[in-house]
Amino acid sequence: MKSVLGVVLAASAVLGTGAGTSAGAMWPEAGPEVGPEAGVEAGVEAGVEAGVEADLAHHGHVSLWDGRVGVWLVSENHGPSDLAQATVRLAFSEPMAGGQELPTACLWSSDRVVSCRTGELRAAGGVGELALDLRTAGLPDELTVEITTAWRDGAAADRNPGNDRHRVLVLATGDPYVF
């Protein structure tokens, strides 16, 4: 299922559906993990060459103030294989206001989820940066942001998945909460 998601994301990049999309444009959600029960070696996605490995890491900070959410995210590939593309998913516990423009590499998956392409991430040094300034639908005192890798182009394994999955509680203080 993840391979299908990868093809959809790649097609979206080629067709430019990330530019100026609104909350109505949606990418399909990632399906269940592929594993031994599906007749595929554990940790290897269907249609992906076995042995290809990339260690994605996402770090940055999130701030919340006066109904605004600021996200600064750096995605890195610690290798050993290069990645032509990856997708990071940002899921917010509170809905975001409708009609907001996103960077061309991103699009709305729902009113609480933004999915963004990282661009090419070379092994041991590839870096992609992302900055978002979003409005919330209300004025929450706090919210939670979950940052995860939704798709890794051609990489079947990530032996250190802890550095590309974060859950951050953000208080409406304007302070940067680092992940």
Protein backbone atom coordinates (compact mmCIF):
# COMPACT_ATOMS: atom_id res chain seq x y z
CA MET A 1 0.00 0.00 0.00
CA LYS A 2 2.88 2.39 0.79
CA SER A 3 4.27 1.85 -2.71
CA VAL A 4 0.93 2.98 -4.14
CA LEU A 5 1.04 6.04 -1.86
CA GLY A 6 4.54 6.79 -3.15
CA VAL A 7 3.36 6.66 -6.76
CA VAL A 8 0.44 8.98 -5.92
CA LEU A 9 2.78 11.44 -4.19
CA ALA A 10 5.25 11.36 -7.09
CA ALA A 11 2.41 11.95 -9.55
CA SER A 12 1.21 14.86 -7.42
CA ALA A 13 4.68 16.39 -7.60
CA VAL A 14 4.80 16.07 -11.38
CA LEU A 15 1.30 17.43 -11.84
CA GLY A 16 1.90 20.26 -9.39
CA THR A 17 -1.12 19.53 -7.22
CA GLY A 18 0.74 20.83 -4.17
CA ALA A 19 0.65 24.41 -5.41
CA GLY A 20 -2.17 26.46 -4.00
CA THR A 21 -4.23 23.52 -2.81
CA SER A 22 -6.90 23.98 -0.21
CA ALA A 23 -8.32 21.73 2.49
CA GLY A 24 -10.44 20.04 -0.19
CA ALA A 25 -7.42 18.44 -1.91
CA MET A 26 -6.54 15.21 -0.19
CA TRP A 27 -3.84 12.55 -0.48
CA PRO A 28 -4.83 9.04 0.50
CA GLU A 29 -3.82 8.05 4.01
CA ALA A 30 -1.04 5.50 4.36
CA GLY A 31 -2.31 1.93 4.59
CA PRO A 32 -1.31 -0.82 6.99
CA GLU A 33 2.31 -1.83 7.42
CA VAL A 34 3.52 -4.56 5.11
CA GLY A 35 4.89 -7.51 7.04
CA PRO A 36 5.28 -11.28 7.25
CA GLU A 37 1.52 -11.81 7.31
CA ALA A 38 1.37 -10.33 3.80
CA GLY A 39 4.06 -12.72 2.56
CA VAL A 40 6.70 -9.98 2.41
CA GLU A 41 9.93 -9.94 4.39
CA ALA A 42 9.55 -7.83 7.56
CA GLY A 43 10.60 -4.21 7.03
CA VAL A 44 10.46 -4.42 3.22
CA GLU A 45 7.66 -2.74 1.32
CA ALA A 46 6.04 -4.44 -1.65
CA GLY A 47 7.77 -3.45 -4.89
CA VAL A 48 10.85 -2.06 -3.13
CA GLU A 49 14.29 -3.55 -3.64
CA ALA A 50 15.43 -5.48 -0.55
CA GLY A 51 18.52 -4.15 1.19
CA VAL A 52 18.00 -0.46 0.33
CA GLU A 53 18.21 1.49 3.59
CA ALA A 54 17.93 5.16 4.48
CA ASP A 55 17.83 6.68 7.95
CA LEU A 56 15.53 9.69 7.85
CA ALA A 57 15.54 12.14 10.74
CA HIS A 58 13.22 15.11 11.31
CA HIS A 59 14.11 17.87 13.77
CA GLY A 60 12.99 21.41 14.39
CA HIS A 61 10.56 23.34 16.55
CA VAL A 62 6.87 24.25 16.81
CA SER A 63 5.36 27.41 18.32
CA LEU A 64 1.74 28.35 19.10
CA TRP A 65 0.51 31.90 19.77
CA ASP A 66 -2.76 33.81 19.22
CA GLY A 67 -4.28 31.05 17.05
CA ARG A 68 -1.15 30.66 14.89
CA VAL A 69 1.14 27.67 14.57
CA GLY A 70 4.70 28.02 13.32
CA VAL A 71 6.61 24.92 12.28
CA TRP A 72 10.27 24.86 11.27
CA LEU A 73 11.39 21.40 10.15
CA VAL A 74 14.68 20.00 8.88
CA SER A 75 14.69 16.52 7.30
CA GLU A 76 18.00 14.68 7.00
CA ASN A 77 19.14 11.38 5.54
CA HIS A 78 21.87 9.68 7.57
CA GLY A 79 22.19 6.99 4.86
CA PRO A 80 23.48 4.68 3.72
CA SER A 81 21.35 5.09 0.54
CA ASP A 82 20.27 8.26 -1.28
CA LEU A 83 16.55 9.08 -1.51
CA ALA A 84 15.04 10.84 -4.51
CA GLN A 85 12.05 11.89 -2.41
CA ALA A 86 10.34 11.37 0.94
CA THR A 87 7.11 12.63 2.47
CA VAL A 88 6.75 13.98 5.99
CA ARG A 89 3.32 14.11 7.63
CA LEU A 90 2.38 16.77 10.19
CA ALA A 91 -0.79 15.90 12.13
CA PHE A 92 -2.28 18.54 14.45
CA SER A 93 -4.65 17.75 17.34
CA GLU A 94 -6.67 20.89 16.55
CA PRO A 95 -8.21 21.78 13.16
CA MET A 96 -6.55 24.46 11.10
CA ALA A 97 -8.47 27.34 9.50
CA GLY A 98 -9.59 26.68 5.93
CA GLY A 99 -8.37 28.41 2.78
CA GLN A 100 -4.70 28.63 3.75
CA GLU A 101 -2.03 28.43 1.07
CA LEU A 102 0.85 26.03 1.66
CA PRO A 103 4.33 25.87 0.14
CA THR A 104 4.33 24.14 -3.26
CA ALA A 105 5.91 21.00 -1.73
CA CYS A 106 2.92 20.57 0.63
CA LEU A 107 -0.79 19.91 0.53
CA TRP A 108 -3.66 19.39 2.93
CA SER A 109 -4.58 15.78 3.72
CA SER A 110 -7.39 17.01 6.02
CA ASP A 111 -8.09 20.07 8.15
CA ARG A 112 -5.63 18.64 10.71
CA VAL A 113 -2.96 17.05 8.47
CA VAL A 114 -0.36 18.55 6.12
CA SER A 115 1.83 16.28 3.94
CA CYS A 116 5.04 17.66 2.44
CA ARG A 117 7.68 16.39 0.02
CA THR A 118 11.25 16.72 1.26
CA GLY A 119 12.95 16.77 -2.13
CA GLU A 120 16.11 14.76 -2.78
CA LEU A 121 17.92 13.61 0.35
CA ARG A 122 21.45 12.35 -0.36
CA ALA A 123 22.95 9.82 2.05
CA ALA A 124 24.93 11.22 4.97
CA GLY A 125 24.19 14.85 4.35
CA GLY A 126 20.97 15.41 2.41
CA VAL A 127 18.92 18.13 4.09
CA GLY A 128 15.45 19.45 3.30
CA GLU A 129 13.96 22.45 5.13
CA LEU A 130 10.33 23.41 5.61
CA ALA A 131 8.68 26.40 7.29
CA LEU A 132 4.93 26.66 7.87
CA ASP A 133 2.88 29.52 9.34
CA LEU A 134 -0.70 28.30 9.87
CA ARG A 135 -3.85 29.65 11.49
CA THR A 136 -5.86 27.41 13.80
CA ALA A 137 -9.66 27.26 13.49
CA GLY A 138 -10.00 28.51 17.08
CA LEU A 139 -7.75 29.83 19.83
CA PRO A 140 -6.45 26.70 21.55
CA ASP A 141 -4.40 26.94 24.76
CA GLU A 142 -2.37 23.98 23.54
CA LEU A 143 -2.13 21.46 20.74
CA THR A 144 -0.18 18.35 19.84
CA VAL A 145 1.77 17.90 16.63
CA GLU A 146 2.79 14.47 15.36
CA ILE A 147 5.66 14.45 12.86
CA THR A 148 6.23 11.21 10.93
CA THR A 149 7.74 9.94 7.71
CA ALA A 150 4.80 8.84 5.57
CA TRP A 151 6.85 7.53 2.63
CA ARG A 152 10.50 6.89 1.69
CA ASP A 153 11.07 6.57 -2.07
CA GLY A 154 12.79 3.25 -2.69
CA ALA A 155 13.98 2.69 0.88
CA ALA A 156 12.78 -0.51 2.46
CA ALA A 157 14.37 -0.09 5.85
CA ASP A 158 15.10 2.54 8.47
CA ARG A 159 16.89 0.93 11.40
CA ASN A 160 16.48 4.05 13.53
CA PRO A 161 12.81 5.04 13.10
CA GLY A 162 12.75 6.90 16.41
CA ASN A 163 14.40 9.98 14.92
CA ASP A 164 11.71 10.48 12.27
CA ARG A 165 8.68 10.14 14.57
CA HIS A 166 7.90 12.84 17.11
CA ARG A 167 4.92 13.90 19.19
CA VAL A 168 5.18 17.44 20.55
CA LEU A 169 2.86 19.13 23.06
CA VAL A 170 2.85 22.87 22.30
CA LEU A 171 1.47 25.47 24.71
CA ALA A 172 0.14 28.81 23.44
CA THR A 173 3.08 30.75 24.86
CA GLY A 174 4.86 31.57 21.60
CA ASP A 175 7.87 29.60 22.83
CA PRO A 176 9.58 27.18 20.42
CA TYR A 177 9.06 23.54 21.46
CA VAL A 178 12.01 21.61 20.07
CA PHE A 179 11.85 18.07 18.69
